[in-house]
């Protein structure tokens, strides 16, 4: 038995509208937005009285999706510290390849995007950075140089 594909990466956010705006500015498209509730949903994630809303984001003409979710019931749990550092155990970040790193950073700053360290060059292959977005989400950005 083989794995077929990775369908999506899920990120829990406090403000779904802000997260959708952030990832839309990055270049993703909103595929679908909908409420999720009911016994079946609670059974899948192991939560009682589950009521949430998801937004499926996709990269135009590329595989893979990002599922942004906000929880109405039970309320989402805030980690301690609230904005964990990049070396926190668990889901770390999602990396995106971009055409122009500096332009992408400039477009995401008004939406809360903040470079964590600094833009770094890996040999003559990539410009790279980590950027923190709404609710502490960490994304990686990579611009291929050659």
N, C-alpha and C. Protein backbone atom coordinates (compact mmCIF):
# COMPACT_ATOMS: atom_id res chain seq x y z
N UNK A 1 0.85 -1.17 0.00
CA UNK A 1 0.00 0.00 0.00
C UNK A 1 0.90 1.24 0.00
N UNK A 2 0.59 2.19 -0.86
CA UNK A 2 1.42 3.38 -1.01
C UNK A 2 0.63 4.64 -0.70
N UNK A 3 1.34 5.66 -0.31
CA UNK A 3 0.72 6.96 -0.14
C UNK A 3 0.52 7.56 -1.53
N UNK A 4 -0.58 8.25 -1.75
CA UNK A 4 -0.89 8.77 -3.07
C UNK A 4 -0.48 10.23 -3.25
N UNK A 5 -0.69 11.06 -2.22
CA UNK A 5 -0.36 12.47 -2.33
C UNK A 5 -0.55 13.12 -0.96
N UNK A 6 -0.08 14.33 -0.82
CA UNK A 6 -0.40 15.14 0.34
C UNK A 6 -1.49 16.10 -0.12
N UNK A 7 -2.66 16.04 0.48
CA UNK A 7 -3.78 16.87 0.05
C UNK A 7 -3.71 18.29 0.59
N UNK A 8 -3.44 18.43 1.90
CA UNK A 8 -3.38 19.78 2.45
C UNK A 8 -2.63 19.80 3.76
N UNK A 9 -2.28 21.01 4.18
CA UNK A 9 -1.70 21.27 5.48
C UNK A 9 -2.72 22.13 6.22
N UNK A 10 -3.02 21.80 7.45
CA UNK A 10 -4.00 22.54 8.22
C UNK A 10 -3.35 23.46 9.23
N UNK A 11 -3.89 24.67 9.34
CA UNK A 11 -3.42 25.65 10.31
C UNK A 11 -4.63 26.22 11.04
N UNK A 12 -4.61 26.18 12.37
CA UNK A 12 -5.68 26.77 13.17
C UNK A 12 -5.34 28.25 13.39
N UNK A 13 -6.31 29.10 13.12
CA UNK A 13 -6.11 30.54 13.24
C UNK A 13 -7.23 31.14 14.09
N UNK A 14 -6.93 32.27 14.74
CA UNK A 14 -7.94 32.97 15.52
C UNK A 14 -8.83 33.83 14.63
N UNK A 15 -8.25 34.44 13.61
CA UNK A 15 -8.97 35.35 12.73
C UNK A 15 -8.91 34.82 11.30
N UNK A 16 -9.97 34.13 10.90
CA UNK A 16 -10.00 33.49 9.58
C UNK A 16 -9.92 34.52 8.45
N UNK A 17 -10.62 35.65 8.60
CA UNK A 17 -10.59 36.69 7.57
C UNK A 17 -9.17 37.22 7.36
N UNK A 18 -8.46 37.48 8.46
CA UNK A 18 -7.09 37.99 8.36
C UNK A 18 -6.17 36.96 7.71
N UNK A 19 -6.33 35.69 8.06
CA UNK A 19 -5.49 34.65 7.47
C UNK A 19 -5.77 34.48 5.98
N UNK A 20 -7.05 34.52 5.59
CA UNK A 20 -7.39 34.43 4.17
C UNK A 20 -6.80 35.61 3.41
N UNK A 21 -6.90 36.81 3.96
CA UNK A 21 -6.33 37.99 3.30
C UNK A 21 -4.82 37.87 3.15
N UNK A 22 -4.14 37.37 4.18
CA UNK A 22 -2.69 37.20 4.16
C UNK A 22 -2.27 36.23 3.06
N UNK A 23 -2.90 35.05 3.03
CA UNK A 23 -2.51 34.05 2.05
C UNK A 23 -2.98 34.41 0.64
N UNK A 24 -4.05 35.19 0.52
CA UNK A 24 -4.46 35.70 -0.79
C UNK A 24 -3.41 36.67 -1.33
N UNK A 25 -2.91 37.55 -0.46
CA UNK A 25 -1.86 38.49 -0.88
C UNK A 25 -0.58 37.75 -1.25
N UNK A 26 -0.33 36.63 -0.60
CA UNK A 26 0.83 35.81 -0.94
C UNK A 26 0.71 35.26 -2.35
N UNK A 27 -0.52 35.06 -2.83
CA UNK A 27 -0.74 34.55 -4.17
C UNK A 27 -1.64 33.34 -4.25
N UNK A 28 -2.15 32.90 -3.11
CA UNK A 28 -3.07 31.78 -3.10
C UNK A 28 -4.47 32.27 -3.42
N UNK A 29 -5.35 31.33 -3.77
CA UNK A 29 -6.74 31.64 -4.07
C UNK A 29 -7.64 30.90 -3.09
N UNK A 30 -8.72 31.55 -2.70
CA UNK A 30 -9.72 30.91 -1.86
C UNK A 30 -10.52 29.94 -2.72
N UNK A 31 -10.43 28.67 -2.42
CA UNK A 31 -11.17 27.66 -3.17
C UNK A 31 -12.58 27.49 -2.61
N UNK A 32 -12.67 27.48 -1.27
CA UNK A 32 -13.95 27.21 -0.63
C UNK A 32 -13.87 27.66 0.82
N UNK A 33 -14.98 28.13 1.34
CA UNK A 33 -15.07 28.50 2.76
C UNK A 33 -16.39 27.97 3.26
N UNK A 34 -16.36 27.28 4.41
CA UNK A 34 -17.59 26.66 4.88
C UNK A 34 -17.53 26.33 6.36
N UNK A 35 -18.71 26.26 6.99
CA UNK A 35 -18.76 25.83 8.39
C UNK A 35 -18.59 24.31 8.46
N UNK A 36 -18.01 23.86 9.55
CA UNK A 36 -17.84 22.43 9.80
C UNK A 36 -18.38 22.16 11.20
N UNK A 37 -19.31 21.21 11.31
CA UNK A 37 -19.85 20.85 12.62
C UNK A 37 -20.48 19.48 12.50
N UNK A 38 -20.92 18.97 13.62
CA UNK A 38 -21.60 17.68 13.63
C UNK A 38 -20.75 16.60 14.27
N UNK A 39 -21.42 15.51 14.57
CA UNK A 39 -20.77 14.39 15.24
C UNK A 39 -19.59 13.85 14.44
N UNK A 40 -19.75 13.71 13.12
CA UNK A 40 -18.68 13.15 12.30
C UNK A 40 -17.41 13.99 12.43
N UNK A 41 -17.55 15.32 12.43
CA UNK A 41 -16.38 16.21 12.51
C UNK A 41 -15.72 16.09 13.88
N UNK A 42 -16.54 16.09 14.94
CA UNK A 42 -15.99 15.92 16.27
C UNK A 42 -15.29 14.59 16.45
N UNK A 43 -15.84 13.55 15.84
CA UNK A 43 -15.22 12.22 15.92
C UNK A 43 -13.84 12.21 15.25
N UNK A 44 -13.72 12.90 14.13
CA UNK A 44 -12.45 12.91 13.39
C UNK A 44 -11.35 13.56 14.23
N UNK A 45 -11.64 14.71 14.83
CA UNK A 45 -10.59 15.44 15.56
C UNK A 45 -10.59 15.17 17.06
N UNK A 46 -11.58 14.43 17.55
CA UNK A 46 -11.61 14.08 18.97
C UNK A 46 -12.09 15.20 19.88
N UNK A 47 -13.01 16.04 19.39
CA UNK A 47 -13.55 17.13 20.19
C UNK A 47 -15.07 17.03 20.24
N UNK A 48 -15.65 17.26 21.41
CA UNK A 48 -17.11 17.27 21.55
C UNK A 48 -17.66 18.63 21.16
N UNK A 49 -18.89 18.64 20.66
CA UNK A 49 -19.59 19.87 20.30
C UNK A 49 -18.75 20.75 19.37
N UNK A 50 -18.18 20.15 18.35
CA UNK A 50 -17.31 20.87 17.43
C UNK A 50 -18.11 21.77 16.50
N UNK A 51 -17.75 23.03 16.48
CA UNK A 51 -18.26 24.00 15.51
C UNK A 51 -17.06 24.82 15.05
N UNK A 52 -16.79 24.78 13.77
CA UNK A 52 -15.64 25.51 13.24
C UNK A 52 -15.98 26.03 11.85
N UNK A 53 -15.05 26.75 11.29
CA UNK A 53 -15.17 27.22 9.91
C UNK A 53 -13.80 27.04 9.27
N UNK A 54 -13.81 26.57 8.03
CA UNK A 54 -12.55 26.39 7.32
C UNK A 54 -12.55 27.20 6.03
N UNK A 55 -11.36 27.53 5.60
CA UNK A 55 -11.14 28.15 4.29
C UNK A 55 -10.06 27.34 3.60
N UNK A 56 -10.38 26.78 2.46
CA UNK A 56 -9.39 26.03 1.68
C UNK A 56 -8.72 26.98 0.70
N UNK A 57 -7.41 27.09 0.81
CA UNK A 57 -6.63 27.96 -0.05
C UNK A 57 -5.82 27.08 -1.00
N UNK A 58 -5.69 27.53 -2.23
CA UNK A 58 -4.91 26.77 -3.20
C UNK A 58 -3.96 27.69 -3.96
N UNK A 59 -2.88 27.11 -4.42
CA UNK A 59 -1.95 27.84 -5.28
C UNK A 59 -2.46 27.63 -6.71
N UNK A 60 -2.67 28.71 -7.46
CA UNK A 60 -3.18 28.54 -8.82
C UNK A 60 -2.29 27.61 -9.65
N UNK A 61 -2.92 26.65 -10.29
CA UNK A 61 -2.25 25.71 -11.20
C UNK A 61 -1.13 24.91 -10.53
N UNK A 62 -1.30 24.60 -9.25
CA UNK A 62 -0.30 23.80 -8.54
C UNK A 62 -1.01 22.86 -7.57
N UNK A 63 -0.40 21.71 -7.27
CA UNK A 63 -1.03 20.77 -6.33
C UNK A 63 -0.86 21.23 -4.88
N UNK A 64 -1.65 20.65 -4.02
CA UNK A 64 -1.56 20.92 -2.59
C UNK A 64 -2.39 22.11 -2.18
N UNK A 65 -2.89 22.06 -0.95
CA UNK A 65 -3.75 23.12 -0.45
C UNK A 65 -3.40 23.42 1.00
N UNK A 66 -3.88 24.55 1.44
CA UNK A 66 -3.73 24.97 2.82
C UNK A 66 -5.13 25.10 3.40
N UNK A 67 -5.40 24.40 4.48
CA UNK A 67 -6.70 24.48 5.15
C UNK A 67 -6.56 25.36 6.38
N UNK A 68 -7.18 26.52 6.34
CA UNK A 68 -7.20 27.42 7.48
C UNK A 68 -8.47 27.15 8.26
N UNK A 69 -8.37 26.98 9.57
CA UNK A 69 -9.54 26.65 10.39
C UNK A 69 -9.60 27.55 11.61
N UNK A 70 -10.81 27.96 11.94
CA UNK A 70 -11.04 28.67 13.20
C UNK A 70 -12.09 27.88 13.97
N UNK A 71 -11.92 27.80 15.28
CA UNK A 71 -12.83 27.03 16.14
C UNK A 71 -13.74 27.96 16.92
N UNK A 72 -15.04 27.71 16.82
CA UNK A 72 -16.02 28.45 17.61
C UNK A 72 -16.36 27.68 18.88
N UNK A 73 -16.39 26.33 18.77
CA UNK A 73 -16.64 25.49 19.93
C UNK A 73 -15.99 24.13 19.69
N UNK A 74 -15.23 23.62 20.62
CA UNK A 74 -14.69 24.36 21.74
C UNK A 74 -13.70 25.42 21.25
N UNK A 75 -13.49 26.44 22.06
CA UNK A 75 -12.59 27.53 21.69
C UNK A 75 -11.18 26.99 21.46
N UNK A 76 -10.45 27.63 20.55
CA UNK A 76 -9.06 27.25 20.29
C UNK A 76 -8.22 27.51 21.54
N UNK A 77 -7.20 26.71 21.70
CA UNK A 77 -6.29 26.82 22.84
C UNK A 77 -5.09 27.67 22.41
N UNK A 78 -4.78 28.68 23.20
CA UNK A 78 -3.63 29.54 22.91
C UNK A 78 -2.38 28.90 23.50
N UNK A 79 -1.33 28.70 22.69
CA UNK A 79 -0.11 28.09 23.22
C UNK A 79 0.61 29.06 24.16
N UNK A 80 1.50 28.50 24.97
CA UNK A 80 2.34 29.30 25.84
C UNK A 80 3.78 28.99 25.48
N UNK A 81 4.57 29.97 25.07
CA UNK A 81 4.18 31.37 24.90
C UNK A 81 3.23 31.52 23.71
N UNK A 82 2.48 32.62 23.70
CA UNK A 82 1.45 32.82 22.68
C UNK A 82 2.02 32.82 21.27
N UNK A 83 3.17 33.42 21.09
CA UNK A 83 3.85 33.39 19.79
C UNK A 83 5.12 32.58 19.98
N UNK A 84 5.04 31.27 19.72
CA UNK A 84 6.19 30.40 19.98
C UNK A 84 7.33 30.66 19.00
N UNK A 85 8.56 30.43 19.43
CA UNK A 85 9.71 30.61 18.54
C UNK A 85 9.76 29.51 17.47
N UNK A 86 10.54 29.72 16.41
CA UNK A 86 10.60 28.75 15.31
C UNK A 86 11.06 27.35 15.71
N UNK A 87 11.72 27.19 16.86
CA UNK A 87 12.21 25.86 17.25
C UNK A 87 11.23 25.12 18.16
N UNK A 88 9.96 25.54 18.21
CA UNK A 88 8.93 24.88 19.01
C UNK A 88 8.56 23.55 18.35
N UNK A 89 8.41 22.51 19.17
CA UNK A 89 8.03 21.21 18.64
C UNK A 89 6.65 21.28 18.00
N UNK A 90 6.43 20.47 16.98
CA UNK A 90 5.14 20.42 16.29
C UNK A 90 5.28 20.97 14.89
N UNK A 91 4.15 21.32 14.30
CA UNK A 91 4.17 21.87 12.94
C UNK A 91 4.99 23.14 12.98
N UNK A 92 5.96 23.23 12.11
CA UNK A 92 6.93 24.31 12.15
C UNK A 92 6.56 25.46 11.24
N UNK A 93 6.43 25.18 9.97
CA UNK A 93 6.14 26.22 8.98
C UNK A 93 5.76 25.58 7.68
N UNK A 94 5.21 26.38 6.78
CA UNK A 94 4.94 25.97 5.41
C UNK A 94 5.84 26.83 4.54
N UNK A 95 6.56 26.21 3.61
CA UNK A 95 7.50 26.94 2.75
C UNK A 95 6.86 27.17 1.38
N UNK A 96 7.02 28.38 0.88
CA UNK A 96 6.51 28.76 -0.43
C UNK A 96 7.65 29.25 -1.30
N UNK A 97 7.67 28.80 -2.54
CA UNK A 97 8.61 29.33 -3.54
C UNK A 97 7.95 30.55 -4.17
N UNK A 98 8.68 31.67 -4.24
CA UNK A 98 8.15 32.92 -4.78
C UNK A 98 9.09 33.45 -5.86
N UNK A 99 8.55 34.29 -6.72
CA UNK A 99 9.35 34.89 -7.79
C UNK A 99 10.27 35.99 -7.27
N UNK A 100 9.77 36.82 -6.36
CA UNK A 100 10.50 37.99 -5.89
C UNK A 100 10.31 38.09 -4.38
N UNK A 101 11.32 37.72 -3.63
CA UNK A 101 11.23 37.66 -2.17
C UNK A 101 10.95 39.04 -1.56
N UNK A 102 11.71 40.05 -1.97
CA UNK A 102 11.54 41.39 -1.40
C UNK A 102 10.14 41.94 -1.68
N UNK A 103 9.64 41.74 -2.89
CA UNK A 103 8.30 42.20 -3.23
C UNK A 103 7.25 41.47 -2.39
N UNK A 104 7.41 40.19 -2.20
CA UNK A 104 6.47 39.40 -1.41
C UNK A 104 6.44 39.90 0.03
N UNK A 105 7.61 40.14 0.61
CA UNK A 105 7.70 40.66 1.98
C UNK A 105 6.99 42.01 2.06
N UNK A 106 7.24 42.88 1.11
CA UNK A 106 6.63 44.21 1.11
C UNK A 106 5.10 44.14 1.02
N UNK A 107 4.58 43.19 0.24
CA UNK A 107 3.13 43.06 0.11
C UNK A 107 2.49 42.48 1.36
N UNK A 108 3.25 41.63 2.11
CA UNK A 108 2.69 40.98 3.29
C UNK A 108 2.83 41.82 4.56
N UNK A 109 3.75 42.78 4.58
CA UNK A 109 3.94 43.63 5.78
C UNK A 109 2.66 44.33 6.22
N UNK A 110 1.88 44.96 5.31
CA UNK A 110 0.66 45.64 5.76
C UNK A 110 -0.38 44.69 6.35
N UNK A 111 -0.23 43.40 6.10
CA UNK A 111 -1.17 42.40 6.62
C UNK A 111 -0.61 41.69 7.85
N UNK A 112 0.43 42.26 8.43
CA UNK A 112 1.01 41.69 9.65
C UNK A 112 2.24 40.85 9.42
N UNK A 113 2.71 40.71 8.18
CA UNK A 113 3.90 39.91 7.90
C UNK A 113 5.15 40.57 8.45
N UNK A 114 5.93 39.80 9.20
CA UNK A 114 7.15 40.32 9.81
C UNK A 114 8.26 39.29 9.67
N UNK A 115 9.37 39.68 9.05
CA UNK A 115 10.50 38.78 8.90
C UNK A 115 11.02 38.43 10.29
N UNK A 116 11.23 37.15 10.57
CA UNK A 116 11.65 36.70 11.89
C UNK A 116 13.14 36.98 12.12
N UNK A 117 13.97 36.53 11.24
CA UNK A 117 15.40 36.76 11.36
C UNK A 117 15.80 37.82 10.35
N UNK A 118 16.43 37.36 9.28
CA UNK A 118 16.72 38.25 8.17
C UNK A 118 16.75 37.45 6.89
N UNK A 119 16.64 38.13 5.78
CA UNK A 119 16.72 37.47 4.48
C UNK A 119 18.16 36.99 4.32
N UNK A 120 18.32 35.71 3.99
CA UNK A 120 19.65 35.12 3.86
C UNK A 120 19.80 34.46 2.50
N UNK A 121 21.02 34.45 2.03
CA UNK A 121 21.36 33.82 0.75
C UNK A 121 21.99 32.47 1.04
N UNK A 122 21.47 31.43 0.39
CA UNK A 122 22.09 30.11 0.44
C UNK A 122 22.84 29.92 -0.87
N UNK A 123 24.16 30.03 -0.75
CA UNK A 123 25.05 29.96 -1.92
C UNK A 123 24.50 30.88 -3.01
N UNK A 124 24.55 30.47 -4.26
CA UNK A 124 23.95 31.25 -5.34
C UNK A 124 22.67 30.58 -5.82
N UNK A 125 21.99 29.89 -4.86
CA UNK A 125 20.83 29.10 -5.23
C UNK A 125 19.52 29.76 -4.78
N UNK A 126 19.45 30.19 -3.51
CA UNK A 126 18.20 30.72 -2.96
C UNK A 126 18.43 31.95 -2.10
N UNK A 127 17.42 32.83 -2.09
CA UNK A 127 17.23 33.80 -1.02
C UNK A 127 16.11 33.22 -0.16
N UNK A 128 16.30 33.23 1.16
CA UNK A 128 15.35 32.58 2.06
C UNK A 128 15.04 33.46 3.25
N UNK A 129 13.83 33.32 3.79
CA UNK A 129 13.52 33.93 5.08
C UNK A 129 12.33 33.21 5.69
N UNK A 130 12.19 33.40 7.00
CA UNK A 130 10.97 33.01 7.71
C UNK A 130 10.22 34.29 7.99
N UNK A 131 8.90 34.22 7.85
CA UNK A 131 8.05 35.38 8.04
C UNK A 131 6.90 34.97 8.94
N UNK A 132 6.63 35.79 9.95
CA UNK A 132 5.51 35.52 10.85
C UNK A 132 4.31 36.30 10.36
N UNK A 133 3.16 35.62 10.26
CA UNK A 133 1.94 36.24 9.78
C UNK A 133 0.90 36.34 10.87
N UNK A 134 -0.36 36.50 10.50
CA UNK A 134 -1.44 36.67 11.49
C UNK A 134 -1.47 35.53 12.49
N UNK A 135 -1.65 35.87 13.75
CA UNK A 135 -1.77 34.86 14.79
C UNK A 135 -0.51 34.07 15.04
N UNK A 136 0.63 34.56 14.57
CA UNK A 136 1.90 33.87 14.82
C UNK A 136 2.26 32.80 13.80
N UNK A 137 1.45 32.63 12.75
CA UNK A 137 1.76 31.64 11.72
C UNK A 137 3.16 31.92 11.17
N UNK A 138 3.96 30.88 11.01
CA UNK A 138 5.28 31.04 10.40
C UNK A 138 5.23 30.42 9.01
N UNK A 139 5.66 31.20 8.02
CA UNK A 139 5.83 30.66 6.68
C UNK A 139 7.28 30.87 6.28
N UNK A 140 7.76 30.02 5.40
CA UNK A 140 9.07 30.21 4.80
C UNK A 140 8.88 30.70 3.38
N UNK A 141 9.77 31.56 2.95
CA UNK A 141 9.74 32.06 1.58
C UNK A 141 11.09 31.79 0.95
N UNK A 142 11.07 31.32 -0.28
CA UNK A 142 12.31 31.01 -1.00
C UNK A 142 12.22 31.54 -2.43
N UNK A 143 13.22 32.31 -2.80
CA UNK A 143 13.34 32.79 -4.18
C UNK A 143 14.53 32.08 -4.81
N UNK A 144 14.31 31.32 -5.87
CA UNK A 144 15.40 30.64 -6.55
C UNK A 144 16.16 31.66 -7.38
N UNK A 145 17.49 31.66 -7.25
CA UNK A 145 18.30 32.66 -7.91
C UNK A 145 18.73 32.25 -9.32
N UNK A 146 18.89 30.98 -9.56
CA UNK A 146 19.34 30.52 -10.88
C UNK A 146 18.28 29.67 -11.52
